[in-house]
Amino acid sequence: MILPKGVHKVISRGREYYYFQAGRGTEHAGSRVRLPDDPQTPEFWIAVRQAQGMDAATGAGTVNALIDAYETSPAFLDPETLSDGTRALYRRMLRIARTAWGELPAARLRPVHVQAIMDGLAQSKGKANTFLGTMRALSAWARARGQIDDSLTEGVKPYPVTGGHKPWTTAQIASALDELSGTIRRGVFLYLYTGQRGSDVVRLGWTDVDEGGFTIRQRKTGREVWCPIVPELAAEMASWDRRPGPFLLQPNGKPYSRKRFSIHFAEAREEIPALAGVTLHGLRCTAVVRLRRLGLSVGQIGDISGMSLAMIERYCRFADKKASGKAALLSLSGTAGEPNCKTLENRKTKPF
């Protein structure tokens, strides 16, 4: 579990204890406050907010109270509903809402207020869209429980995002597989041939192999997927040691986190000019495009990757257009001489 800033865990005699200490490890460290033992309970997060000094102004019926109720609800804390990373991201976005409207009555919050925040974040469209997604989750939760009467986000549109993570080219993939080595090369293989998110790639191991594929429950969505091990990946895995734990281990023997693997990949990427600008998440897009070109339907790719159909269609749109364009070109090339042929066949000619 990702703990909020200032919260740390201590293990003593086999038991876990949690504390809050602002500025821990610095010259200006505050006093250490003991927290409840179970971070999955509402009491734990209420205590965290109290230690952070954010409880005094929270009144009943306010936006702060609504967010408190959401952040301490089973729907928010259940790891099967939201991953640790998603919860941490939601908390960051909800802090924006607290700052903007914290002591305002939640019943008076309207989509126009959400739109105002979106306008203020217009220079950072990705952050704005993440904020909107968080507010949609809060709104849906609150309406279902009678906390508010109307949607907080109705009519508010996300910003169109161009660019994003681009698929790798054939030349970039070849350069990576030729010049990368060790665990980083192994990770690129897993990204490329499974199409899974980084948070799931770093957890894959031999124990996840199931009848020629990987069975894994995705951390972000909680969805269980079965991803086939294609021949290219199987050939590479044949040389990997069979041992418990994940395939990807750091030099110190500890498992990689998604963030740590990304850092080490970026360091290796700097040594390969052909990989300038590529991202690991771009390999997820690459995997989808590869499956599409092999003839799989959007639904089949969704079953393998665990992605939404909308996301798959977004990743594949350029590949599909390019394939359609090439087919049209071939068709035009094949019929380029057809008008002349018909003319010769239909006109009358005199024998010599």
Protein backbone atom coordinates (compact mmCIF):
# COMPACT_ATOMS: atom_id res chain seq x y z
CA MET A 1 0.00 0.00 0.00
CA ILE A 2 1.23 3.52 -0.85
CA LEU A 3 1.14 5.57 2.35
CA PRO A 4 0.54 9.33 2.42
CA LYS A 5 3.45 11.72 2.84
CA GLY A 6 4.61 11.77 6.45
CA VAL A 7 3.21 8.32 7.29
CA HIS A 8 5.66 5.47 7.86
CA LYS A 9 5.49 1.87 9.00
CA VAL A 10 7.60 0.25 11.71
CA ILE A 11 7.84 -3.52 12.12
CA SER A 12 8.74 -4.69 15.63
CA ARG A 13 8.60 -8.28 16.85
CA GLY A 14 6.55 -9.30 13.87
CA ARG A 15 3.92 -6.59 14.31
CA GLU A 16 3.31 -3.55 12.14
CA TYR A 17 2.91 -0.07 13.62
CA TYR A 18 2.09 3.14 11.77
CA TYR A 19 3.15 6.67 12.65
CA PHE A 20 2.82 10.17 11.25
CA GLN A 21 5.73 12.57 11.47
CA ALA A 22 5.95 15.73 9.39
CA GLY A 23 9.46 16.39 8.04
CA ARG A 24 10.75 13.03 9.19
CA GLY A 25 14.51 12.70 8.68
CA THR A 26 15.07 16.46 8.47
CA GLU A 27 16.18 19.12 10.94
CA HIS A 28 12.60 20.34 11.18
CA ALA A 29 10.93 17.01 11.97
CA GLY A 30 7.74 17.28 13.96
CA SER A 31 6.56 15.07 16.77
CA ARG A 32 5.69 11.46 15.96
CA VAL A 33 2.00 10.53 16.20
CA ARG A 34 0.85 6.93 16.60
CA LEU A 35 -1.83 5.87 14.12
CA PRO A 36 -4.29 2.94 14.21
CA ASP A 37 -2.75 -0.40 13.22
CA ASP A 38 -4.94 -1.20 10.19
CA PRO A 39 -4.61 1.15 7.18
CA GLN A 40 -7.67 -0.49 5.60
CA THR A 41 -10.04 1.02 8.18
CA PRO A 42 -11.77 4.41 8.09
CA GLU A 43 -10.34 5.17 11.55
CA PHE A 44 -6.80 5.03 10.18
CA TRP A 45 -7.45 7.67 7.51
CA ILE A 46 -9.40 9.90 9.86
CA ALA A 47 -6.41 9.78 12.22
CA VAL A 48 -4.07 10.65 9.34
CA ARG A 49 -6.11 13.74 8.52
CA GLN A 50 -6.15 14.74 12.17
CA ALA A 51 -2.37 14.37 12.38
CA GLN A 52 -2.03 16.48 9.25
CA GLY A 53 -4.10 19.18 10.92
CA MET A 54 -6.89 19.03 8.39
CA ASP A 55 -9.77 17.97 10.64
CA ALA A 56 -10.52 21.07 12.65
CA ALA A 57 -12.38 22.93 9.93
CA THR A 58 -14.34 20.00 8.57
CA GLY A 59 -18.03 20.55 9.12
CA ALA A 60 -20.98 18.31 8.44
CA GLY A 61 -22.35 18.58 4.93
CA THR A 62 -19.24 20.22 3.51
CA VAL A 63 -17.17 19.10 0.55
CA ASN A 64 -14.43 18.13 3.01
CA ALA A 65 -16.89 15.91 4.88
CA LEU A 66 -18.04 14.32 1.63
CA ILE A 67 -14.46 13.56 0.58
CA ASP A 68 -13.70 12.25 4.07
CA ALA A 69 -16.60 9.83 3.78
CA TYR A 70 -15.46 8.71 0.32
CA GLU A 71 -11.80 8.25 1.26
CA THR A 72 -12.73 6.14 4.28
CA SER A 73 -15.37 4.06 2.51
CA PRO A 74 -14.94 0.36 1.62
CA ALA A 75 -15.39 1.29 -2.04
CA PHE A 76 -12.27 3.46 -1.86
CA LEU A 77 -10.13 1.31 0.44
CA ASP A 78 -10.89 -2.12 -1.05
CA PRO A 79 -7.78 -3.21 -3.03
CA GLU A 80 -10.05 -5.23 -5.32
CA THR A 81 -11.80 -2.00 -6.35
CA LEU A 82 -8.90 0.46 -6.58
CA SER A 83 -5.18 -0.23 -6.75
CA ASP A 84 -2.74 1.51 -4.42
CA GLY A 85 -1.57 3.70 -7.27
CA THR A 86 -5.09 4.74 -8.22
CA ARG A 87 -5.95 5.60 -4.60
CA ALA A 88 -2.81 7.73 -4.30
CA LEU A 89 -3.69 9.51 -7.55
CA TYR A 90 -7.28 10.10 -6.43
CA ARG A 91 -6.09 11.55 -3.13
CA ARG A 92 -3.87 14.04 -4.95
CA MET A 93 -6.77 15.14 -7.13
CA LEU A 94 -9.16 15.31 -4.18
CA ARG A 95 -6.73 17.66 -2.42
CA ILE A 96 -7.37 20.09 -5.27
CA ALA A 97 -11.11 19.83 -4.55
CA ARG A 98 -10.51 20.36 -0.84
CA THR A 99 -8.44 23.47 -1.50
CA ALA A 100 -11.03 24.93 -3.86
CA TRP A 101 -14.28 24.09 -2.08
CA GLY A 102 -13.44 22.37 1.23
CA GLU A 103 -15.83 24.23 3.54
CA LEU A 104 -18.53 24.92 0.96
CA PRO A 105 -21.77 22.92 1.25
CA ALA A 106 -21.48 19.79 -0.87
CA ALA A 107 -25.15 20.13 -1.87
CA ARG A 108 -24.36 23.38 -3.69
CA LEU A 109 -21.48 21.99 -5.73
CA ARG A 110 -22.30 22.02 -9.45
CA PRO A 111 -20.65 21.00 -12.73
CA VAL A 112 -19.85 24.68 -13.35
CA HIS A 113 -17.47 24.55 -10.38
CA VAL A 114 -15.73 21.47 -11.76
CA GLN A 115 -15.49 23.17 -15.15
CA ALA A 116 -13.82 26.17 -13.52
CA ILE A 117 -11.07 23.91 -12.13
CA MET A 118 -10.73 22.25 -15.54
CA ASP A 119 -10.28 25.70 -17.12
CA GLY A 120 -7.62 26.52 -14.55
CA LEU A 121 -5.72 23.35 -15.43
CA ALA A 122 -6.00 23.88 -19.18
CA GLN A 123 -2.22 24.14 -19.56
CA SER A 124 -1.90 20.63 -18.15
CA LYS A 125 -4.60 18.70 -20.00
CA GLY A 126 -3.59 15.31 -18.64
CA LYS A 127 -3.86 16.54 -15.05
CA ALA A 128 -7.18 18.23 -15.83
CA ASN A 129 -8.59 15.01 -17.27
CA THR A 130 -7.36 13.04 -14.25
CA PHE A 131 -9.09 15.52 -11.96
CA LEU A 132 -12.31 15.13 -13.95
CA GLY A 133 -12.09 11.34 -13.73
CA THR A 134 -11.64 11.55 -9.97
CA MET A 135 -14.62 13.86 -9.59
CA ARG A 136 -16.72 11.47 -11.67
CA ALA A 137 -15.81 8.64 -9.30
CA LEU A 138 -16.65 10.79 -6.27
CA SER A 139 -19.91 11.94 -7.84
CA ALA A 140 -21.04 8.41 -8.74
CA TRP A 141 -20.25 7.14 -5.25
CA ALA A 142 -22.00 10.05 -3.53
CA ARG A 143 -25.16 9.92 -5.68
CA ALA A 144 -25.58 6.18 -5.16
CA ARG A 145 -25.55 6.75 -1.40
CA GLY A 146 -27.82 9.79 -1.30
CA GLN A 147 -25.01 12.16 -0.33
CA ILE A 148 -25.80 14.46 -3.27
CA ASP A 149 -28.79 14.70 -5.60
CA ASP A 150 -27.22 15.66 -8.91
CA SER A 151 -24.11 14.72 -10.85
CA LEU A 152 -21.08 16.93 -10.20
CA THR A 153 -19.67 16.39 -13.68
CA GLU A 154 -22.63 16.26 -16.09
CA GLY A 155 -21.73 18.07 -19.31
CA VAL A 156 -18.07 18.56 -18.36
CA LYS A 157 -15.91 17.19 -21.16
CA PRO A 158 -12.30 16.00 -20.94
CA TYR A 159 -9.70 17.77 -23.00
CA PRO A 160 -8.73 16.00 -26.23
CA VAL A 161 -5.21 14.70 -25.80
CA THR A 162 -3.03 14.36 -28.85
CA GLY A 163 0.22 12.48 -29.03
CA GLY A 164 0.66 10.47 -25.87
CA HIS A 165 2.64 7.25 -25.73
CA LYS A 166 3.56 6.27 -29.28
CA PRO A 167 4.10 2.69 -30.43
CA TRP A 168 7.69 1.68 -31.09
CA THR A 169 8.83 1.27 -34.66
CA THR A 170 10.22 -2.01 -35.98
CA ALA A 171 13.69 -0.45 -36.03
CA GLN A 172 13.40 0.70 -32.41
CA ILE A 173 12.32 -2.75 -31.26
CA ALA A 174 15.21 -4.34 -33.14
CA SER A 175 17.70 -1.88 -31.59
CA ALA A 176 16.35 -2.52 -28.09
CA LEU A 177 16.54 -6.30 -28.39
CA ASP A 178 20.02 -6.12 -29.96
CA GLU A 179 21.59 -3.62 -27.55
CA LEU A 180 19.79 -4.05 -24.23
CA SER A 181 20.87 -6.84 -21.93
CA GLY A 182 20.05 -8.55 -18.67
CA THR A 183 16.93 -7.68 -16.71
CA ILE A 184 16.15 -4.56 -18.74
CA ARG A 185 16.02 -6.58 -21.97
CA ARG A 186 13.90 -9.19 -20.21
CA GLY A 187 11.46 -6.51 -19.09
CA VAL A 188 11.16 -5.08 -22.61
CA PHE A 189 10.28 -8.57 -23.87
CA LEU A 190 7.53 -8.88 -21.26
CA TYR A 191 6.13 -5.44 -22.04
CA LEU A 192 6.20 -6.08 -25.78
CA TYR A 193 4.69 -9.55 -25.88
CA THR A 194 2.14 -9.34 -23.06
CA GLY A 195 0.75 -5.82 -23.51
CA GLN A 196 0.33 -5.47 -19.75
CA ARG A 197 0.81 -2.35 -17.66
CA GLY A 198 4.11 -1.84 -15.92
CA SER A 199 2.55 -2.47 -12.50
CA ASP A 200 1.64 -5.97 -13.72
CA VAL A 201 4.76 -6.70 -15.79
CA VAL A 202 7.01 -6.33 -12.73
CA ARG A 203 4.90 -8.92 -10.86
CA LEU A 204 4.97 -11.63 -13.52
CA GLY A 205 6.80 -14.84 -12.63
CA TRP A 206 6.84 -18.56 -13.27
CA THR A 207 3.98 -19.11 -10.83
CA ASP A 208 1.72 -17.06 -13.12
CA VAL A 209 2.21 -19.43 -16.06
CA ASP A 210 -1.02 -21.30 -16.77
CA GLU A 211 -1.48 -23.61 -19.78
CA GLY A 212 0.71 -21.69 -22.17
CA GLY A 213 -0.10 -18.22 -20.91
CA PHE A 214 0.01 -15.88 -17.94
CA THR A 215 -2.98 -15.67 -15.62
CA ILE A 216 -2.80 -12.44 -13.67
CA ARG A 217 -5.17 -10.16 -11.78
CA GLN A 218 -4.41 -6.63 -12.89
CA ARG A 219 -3.57 -4.21 -10.11
CA LYS A 220 -5.30 -1.20 -11.61
CA THR A 221 -8.59 -2.80 -12.65
CA GLY A 222 -8.76 -5.94 -10.50
CA ARG A 223 -9.63 -7.80 -13.70
CA GLU A 224 -8.23 -11.31 -14.17
CA VAL A 225 -6.79 -11.85 -17.64
CA TRP A 226 -5.12 -14.74 -19.44
CA CYS A 227 -2.36 -13.58 -21.75
CA PRO A 228 -0.90 -16.18 -24.15
CA ILE A 229 2.86 -16.68 -24.20
CA VAL A 230 3.67 -16.21 -27.88
CA PRO A 231 6.52 -18.21 -29.47
CA GLU A 232 8.93 -15.25 -29.46
CA LEU A 233 8.49 -14.77 -25.71
CA ALA A 234 8.55 -18.53 -25.02
CA ALA A 235 11.90 -18.83 -26.81
CA GLU A 236 13.33 -16.01 -24.70
CA MET A 237 11.93 -17.44 -21.45
CA ALA A 238 13.57 -20.80 -22.14
CA SER A 239 16.88 -19.38 -20.87
CA TRP A 240 15.43 -17.78 -17.71
CA ASP A 241 16.08 -19.37 -14.33
CA ARG A 242 13.12 -21.17 -12.81
CA ARG A 243 12.75 -19.76 -9.32
CA PRO A 244 10.01 -18.35 -7.10
CA GLY A 245 9.17 -14.68 -7.36
CA PRO A 246 8.98 -12.23 -10.25
CA PHE A 247 11.11 -12.44 -13.39
CA LEU A 248 12.43 -8.89 -12.90
CA LEU A 249 14.80 -8.38 -9.98
CA GLN A 250 16.96 -5.37 -9.15
CA PRO A 251 20.76 -5.73 -8.85
CA ASN A 252 20.27 -5.99 -5.06
CA GLY A 253 17.94 -8.98 -5.54
CA LYS A 254 14.76 -7.13 -4.59
CA PRO A 255 11.70 -7.13 -6.88
CA TYR A 256 11.26 -4.13 -9.12
CA SER A 257 8.50 -1.60 -8.71
CA ARG A 258 7.09 -0.12 -11.90
CA LYS A 259 8.70 3.23 -11.13
CA ARG A 260 12.13 1.78 -10.34
CA PHE A 261 12.17 -0.32 -13.50
CA SER A 262 11.23 2.76 -15.53
CA ILE A 263 14.17 4.64 -14.03
CA HIS A 264 16.64 1.87 -14.85
CA PHE A 265 15.21 1.52 -18.35
CA ALA A 266 15.60 5.28 -18.92
CA GLU A 267 19.25 5.03 -17.89
CA ALA A 268 19.84 2.22 -20.37
CA ARG A 269 17.91 4.05 -23.08
CA GLU A 270 20.31 7.00 -22.89
CA GLU A 271 23.05 4.78 -24.28
CA ILE A 272 21.03 3.83 -27.38
CA PRO A 273 20.38 6.80 -29.73
CA ALA A 274 17.77 4.84 -31.70
CA LEU A 275 15.56 4.71 -28.60
CA ALA A 276 15.45 8.45 -27.99
CA GLY A 277 11.95 9.45 -26.91
CA VAL A 278 10.45 5.97 -26.55
CA THR A 279 8.52 5.01 -23.43
CA LEU A 280 7.81 1.67 -21.80
CA HIS A 281 4.08 2.38 -21.93
CA GLY A 282 4.51 2.80 -25.67
CA LEU A 283 5.24 -0.93 -25.77
CA ARG A 284 1.72 -1.56 -24.48
CA CYS A 285 0.42 0.30 -27.49
CA THR A 286 2.89 -1.61 -29.69
CA ALA A 287 1.60 -4.94 -28.37
CA VAL A 288 -1.99 -3.99 -29.18
CA VAL A 289 -1.10 -2.89 -32.70
CA ARG A 290 0.84 -6.13 -33.25
CA LEU A 291 -2.14 -8.24 -32.17
CA ARG A 292 -4.43 -6.20 -34.42
CA ARG A 293 -2.17 -6.74 -37.42
CA LEU A 294 -2.22 -10.47 -36.70
CA GLY A 295 -5.96 -10.37 -37.32
CA LEU A 296 -7.35 -10.41 -33.76
CA SER A 297 -10.58 -8.57 -33.12
CA VAL A 298 -10.86 -5.69 -30.68
CA GLY A 299 -12.76 -7.98 -28.29
CA GLN A 300 -10.06 -10.65 -28.40
CA ILE A 301 -7.36 -8.07 -27.73
CA GLY A 302 -9.42 -6.83 -24.80
CA ASP A 303 -9.57 -10.31 -23.32
CA ILE A 304 -5.78 -10.67 -23.59
CA SER A 305 -4.73 -7.20 -22.46
CA GLY A 306 -7.52 -6.33 -20.06
CA MET A 307 -7.96 -2.96 -21.80
CA SER A 308 -11.27 -1.29 -22.50
CA LEU A 309 -12.53 -1.52 -26.07
CA ALA A 310 -12.33 2.26 -26.38
CA MET A 311 -8.65 2.25 -25.44
CA ILE A 312 -7.85 -0.55 -27.87
CA GLU A 313 -9.62 1.29 -30.68
CA ARG A 314 -7.65 4.41 -29.80
CA TYR A 315 -4.35 2.53 -29.93
CA CYS A 316 -5.26 0.81 -33.19
CA ARG A 317 -6.80 3.71 -35.08
CA PHE A 318 -3.63 4.72 -36.90
CA ALA A 319 -2.60 1.14 -37.59
CA ASP A 320 -6.04 0.36 -39.03
CA LYS A 321 -5.98 3.48 -41.20
CA LYS A 322 -2.50 2.66 -42.46
CA ALA A 323 -3.48 -0.93 -43.27
CA SER A 324 -6.61 0.29 -45.05
CA GLY A 325 -4.57 2.81 -47.01
CA LYS A 326 -2.04 0.19 -48.09
CA ALA A 327 -4.85 -2.12 -49.19
CA ALA A 328 -6.37 0.70 -51.21
CA LEU A 329 -2.99 1.40 -52.79
CA LEU A 330 -2.62 -2.23 -53.80
CA SER A 331 -6.12 -2.22 -55.20
CA LEU A 332 -5.44 0.91 -57.23
CA SER A 333 -2.13 -0.48 -58.48
CA GLY A 334 -3.82 -3.66 -59.61
CA THR A 335 -6.49 -1.83 -61.61
CA ALA A 336 -4.39 1.05 -62.96
CA GLY A 337 -4.30 -0.40 -66.47
CA GLU A 338 -7.89 -1.55 -66.51
CA PRO A 339 -9.44 1.36 -68.48
CA ASN A 340 -7.03 0.89 -71.37
CA CYS A 341 -7.64 -2.84 -71.42
CA LYS A 342 -11.38 -2.32 -71.68
CA THR A 343 -10.96 0.17 -74.48
CA LEU A 344 -8.89 -2.23 -76.51
CA GLU A 345 -11.35 -5.02 -75.94
CA ASN A 346 -14.44 -3.02 -76.86
CA ARG A 347 -13.34 -0.97 -79.87
CA LYS A 348 -13.50 -2.32 -83.38
CA THR A 349 -10.21 -2.88 -85.18
CA LYS A 350 -9.45 -3.78 -88.74
CA PRO A 351 -7.49 -6.94 -89.45
CA PHE A 352 -4.07 -6.49 -91.02
